[in-house]
Each structure stands twice: as structure tokens, then as C-alpha cells.
C-alpha atoms as a PDB file:
ATOM      1  CA  MET A   1     -40.081  16.663-130.537  1.00  0.00           C
ATOM      2  CA  LYS A   2     -41.978  15.685-133.662  1.00  0.00           C
ATOM      3  CA  SER A   3     -45.570  16.041-132.577  1.00  0.00           C
ATOM      4  CA  LYS A   4     -47.450  19.323-132.364  1.00  0.00           C
ATOM      5  CA  TRP A   5     -48.801  18.076-129.028  1.00  0.00           C
ATOM      6  CA  SER A   6     -45.281  17.764-127.684  1.00  0.00           C
ATOM      7  CA  LYS A   7     -44.725  21.381-128.669  1.00  0.00           C
ATOM      8  CA  ALA A   8     -48.006  22.355-126.987  1.00  0.00           C
ATOM      9  CA  GLY A   9     -46.887  20.609-123.789  1.00  0.00           C
ATOM     10  CA  VAL A  10     -43.571  22.444-123.783  1.00  0.00           C
ATOM     11  CA  LEU A  11     -45.291  25.788-124.443  1.00  0.00           C
ATOM     12  CA  ALA A  12     -47.807  25.160-121.647  1.00  0.00           C
ATOM     13  CA  SER A  13     -45.005  24.283-119.232  1.00  0.00           C
ATOM     14  CA  VAL A  14     -42.930  27.328-120.153  1.00  0.00           C
ATOM     15  CA  GLY A  15     -46.073  29.479-119.929  1.00  0.00           C
ATOM     16  CA  CYS A  16     -46.761  28.105-116.465  1.00  0.00           C
ATOM     17  CA  ILE A  17     -43.236  28.980-115.322  1.00  0.00           C
ATOM     18  CA  ILE A  18     -43.609  32.510-116.713  1.00  0.00           C
ATOM     19  CA  LEU A  19     -47.004  32.963-115.016  1.00  0.00           C
ATOM     20  CA  CYS A  20     -45.532  31.725-111.734  1.00  0.00           C
ATOM     21  CA  ALA A  21     -42.664  34.213-112.006  1.00  0.00           C
ATOM     22  CA  MET A  22     -45.193  36.983-112.639  1.00  0.00           C
ATOM     23  CA  LEU A  23     -47.279  35.860-109.669  1.00  0.00           C
ATOM     24  CA  LEU A  24     -44.302  35.777-107.335  1.00  0.00           C
ATOM     25  CA  PHE A  25     -42.167  38.711-108.475  1.00  0.00           C
ATOM     26  CA  TRP A  26     -44.120  41.018-110.821  1.00  0.00           C
ATOM     27  CA  ASN A  27     -47.717  40.705-109.647  1.00  0.00           C
ATOM     28  CA  PRO A  28     -49.760  43.441-111.369  1.00  0.00           C
ATOM     29  CA  TYR A  29     -52.533  43.230-108.750  1.00  0.00           C
ATOM     30  CA  THR A  30     -50.532  44.004-105.615  1.00  0.00           C
ATOM     31  CA  SER A  31     -47.423  45.858-104.556  1.00  0.00           C
ATOM     32  CA  THR A  32     -46.565  43.461-101.717  1.00  0.00           C
ATOM     33  CA  HIS A  33     -43.926  40.832-102.263  1.00  0.00           C
ATOM     34  CA  ALA A  34     -44.617  37.114-102.007  1.00  0.00           C
ATOM     35  CA  GLY A  35     -43.534  35.510 -98.762  1.00  0.00           C
ATOM     36  CA  LYS A  36     -41.247  32.525 -98.406  1.00  0.00           C
ATOM     37  CA  GLY A  37     -44.213  30.210 -97.833  1.00  0.00           C
ATOM     38  CA  THR A  38     -45.931  31.364-101.003  1.00  0.00           C
ATOM     39  CA  ILE A  39     -42.751  30.932-103.011  1.00  0.00           C
ATOM     40  CA  LEU A  40     -42.298  27.411-101.635  1.00  0.00           C
ATOM     41  CA  ILE A  41     -45.883  26.400-102.427  1.00  0.00           C
ATOM     42  CA  ILE A  42     -45.726  27.781-105.980  1.00  0.00           C
ATOM     43  CA  LEU A  43     -42.348  26.118-106.495  1.00  0.00           C
ATOM     44  CA  LEU A  44     -43.570  22.711-105.312  1.00  0.00           C
ATOM     45  CA  MET A  45     -47.063  22.788-106.800  1.00  0.00           C
ATOM     46  CA  LEU A  46     -46.575  24.552-110.150  1.00  0.00           C
ATOM     47  CA  ILE A  47     -42.950  25.142-111.137  1.00  0.00           C
ATOM     48  CA  LEU A  48     -41.609  21.633-110.448  1.00  0.00           C
ATOM     49  CA  PRO A  49     -44.459  19.949-112.330  1.00  0.00           C
ATOM     50  CA  ALA A  50     -43.937  22.405-115.203  1.00  0.00           C
ATOM     51  CA  ILE A  51     -40.278  21.397-115.411  1.00  0.00           C
ATOM     52  CA  LEU A  52     -41.350  17.750-115.378  1.00  0.00           C
ATOM     53  CA  GLY A  53     -43.889  18.650-118.084  1.00  0.00           C
ATOM     54  CA  ILE A  54     -41.112  19.908-120.337  1.00  0.00           C
ATOM     55  CA  PHE A  55     -39.312  16.571-120.038  1.00  0.00           C
ATOM     56  CA  ALA A  56     -42.549  14.615-120.455  1.00  0.00           C
ATOM     57  CA  SER A  57     -43.302  16.540-123.636  1.00  0.00           C
ATOM     58  CA  LEU A  58     -39.816  16.186-125.060  1.00  0.00           C
ATOM     59  CA  TYR A  59     -39.821  12.425-124.465  1.00  0.00           C
ATOM     60  CA  ARG A  60     -43.528  12.126-125.370  1.00  0.00           C
ATOM     61  CA  ASN A  61     -44.367  10.305-122.144  1.00  0.00           C
ATOM     62  CA  ALA A  62     -48.128  10.395-121.569  1.00  0.00           C
ATOM     63  CA  ILE A  63     -47.958   8.948-118.051  1.00  0.00           C
ATOM     64  CA  LEU A  64     -45.620  11.718-116.881  1.00  0.00           C
ATOM     65  CA  MET A  65     -47.881  14.281-118.519  1.00  0.00           C
ATOM     66  CA  PHE A  66     -50.873  12.881-116.605  1.00  0.00           C
ATOM     67  CA  ILE A  67     -48.809  13.123-113.404  1.00  0.00           C
ATOM     68  CA  VAL A  68     -48.002  16.757-114.231  1.00  0.00           C
ATOM     69  CA  THR A  69     -51.697  17.479-114.801  1.00  0.00           C
ATOM     70  CA  ILE A  70     -52.829  15.902-111.531  1.00  0.00           C
ATOM     71  CA  TRP A  71     -49.932  17.421-109.559  1.00  0.00           C
ATOM     72  CA  SER A  72     -50.682  20.932-110.857  1.00  0.00           C
ATOM     73  CA  LEU A  73     -54.465  20.635-110.636  1.00  0.00           C
ATOM     74  CA  PRO A  74     -55.177  21.795-107.037  1.00  0.00           C
ATOM     75  CA  CYS A  75     -53.043  24.925-107.042  1.00  0.00           C
ATOM     76  CA  GLY A  76     -53.607  25.738-110.717  1.00  0.00           C
ATOM     77  CA  LEU A  77     -57.364  25.369-110.418  1.00  0.00           C
ATOM     78  CA  TYR A  78     -57.425  27.533-107.305  1.00  0.00           C
ATOM     79  CA  LEU A  79     -55.467  30.297-109.023  1.00  0.00           C
ATOM     80  CA  ALA A  80     -57.648  30.008-112.129  1.00  0.00           C
ATOM     81  CA  VAL A  81     -60.942  30.583-110.283  1.00  0.00           C
ATOM     82  CA  VAL A  82     -59.979  32.657-107.248  1.00  0.00           C
ATOM     83  CA  ARG A  83     -60.524  35.913-109.122  1.00  0.00           C
ATOM     84  CA  ILE A  84     -62.369  36.205-112.392  1.00  0.00           C
ATOM     85  CA  PRO A  85     -61.357  37.983-114.613  1.00  0.00           C
ATOM     86  CA  SER A  86     -57.630  38.182-114.089  1.00  0.00           C
ATOM     87  CA  ILE A  87     -54.423  37.087-115.747  1.00  0.00           C
ATOM     88  CA  TRP A  88     -54.304  34.095-113.376  1.00  0.00           C
ATOM     89  CA  ASN A  89     -57.224  32.527-115.267  1.00  0.00           C
ATOM     90  CA  LEU A  90     -54.542  31.428-117.739  1.00  0.00           C
ATOM     91  CA  PHE A  91     -53.567  28.736-115.225  1.00  0.00           C
ATOM     92  CA  GLY A  92     -56.865  27.054-116.139  1.00  0.00           C
ATOM     93  CA  CYS A  93     -55.911  27.162-119.822  1.00  0.00           C
ATOM     94  CA  ILE A  94     -52.542  25.631-119.000  1.00  0.00           C
ATOM     95  CA  LEU A  95     -54.233  22.789-117.100  1.00  0.00           C
ATOM     96  CA  ILE A  96     -56.482  22.127-120.083  1.00  0.00           C
ATOM     97  CA  VAL A  97     -53.483  22.035-122.441  1.00  0.00           C
ATOM     98  CA  TYR A  98     -51.669  19.661-120.054  1.00  0.00           C
ATOM     99  CA  PHE A  99     -54.648  17.303-120.091  1.00  0.00           C
ATOM    100  CA  ILE A 100     -55.203  17.437-123.849  1.00  0.00           C
ATOM    101  CA  THR A 101     -51.484  16.916-124.441  1.00  0.00           C
ATOM    102  CA  ALA A 102     -51.471  13.856-122.191  1.00  0.00           C
ATOM    103  CA  MET A 103     -54.525  12.414-123.969  1.00  0.00           C
ATOM    104  CA  ARG A 104     -53.044  13.002-127.425  1.00  0.00           C
ATOM    105  CA  MET A 105     -49.680  11.565-126.438  1.00  0.00           C
ATOM    106  CA  ARG A 106     -51.472   8.477-125.181  1.00  0.00           C
ATOM    107  CA  ARG A 107     -53.151   8.028-128.560  1.00  0.00           C
ATOM    108  CA  GLU A 108     -49.859   8.374-130.415  1.00  0.00           C
END
């Protein structure tokens, strides 16, 4: 992991996993627990691509990083704009970092 963009990709992926854990288990906006369906959707649409993003960043694979960006886009964008302002707006920042990381990796 030589590039600062690889580090940014790893940090964005780890940040996404942390935000997902907060959303599912320590949500500051509600006292109700996430249902099994919600956990499954977040797992498939945000956590799995974030794990793939860690590997894409470590191996500096731009194509995988683009896949991570596109895979995370629907759910991440929804969470980023569903309520403004909130902590979930950080999902939008993560998507931006994913995209910039993929573009920079492609140039390298």
C-alpha cells in the first residue's frame, strides 16, 4: 500500500463498515433495533462492497474500486440524502472518496 489513494480507499471502506455498524446496532436517532431485512440489505449493499474495497485498495485495482463505487451507490446515496443533516450524510462522503480513489488508481 504505497499510494496515499490506496490508504484513502482503505479508510473509506473501514469508515463505511463503522457507519453501517452504527446504523444497525447503535443508531443515535432511534431506540428500535434493526430488523433482519435491514441487516441483510446493509450487509449486501454496503458492508460486502466495503470489504471488497479494502482488497481493491490494498492491491491497487481500479476496476474493483469502480465496482465497489457502483455497487454501494444506490444504498449509500439513499442514506446520504434521506435526512439532512445527520451522521448518515457521511455515506455520501465515502462514495465520493471511493470514486476519487478509483480515478486516481486508474491514473497510476
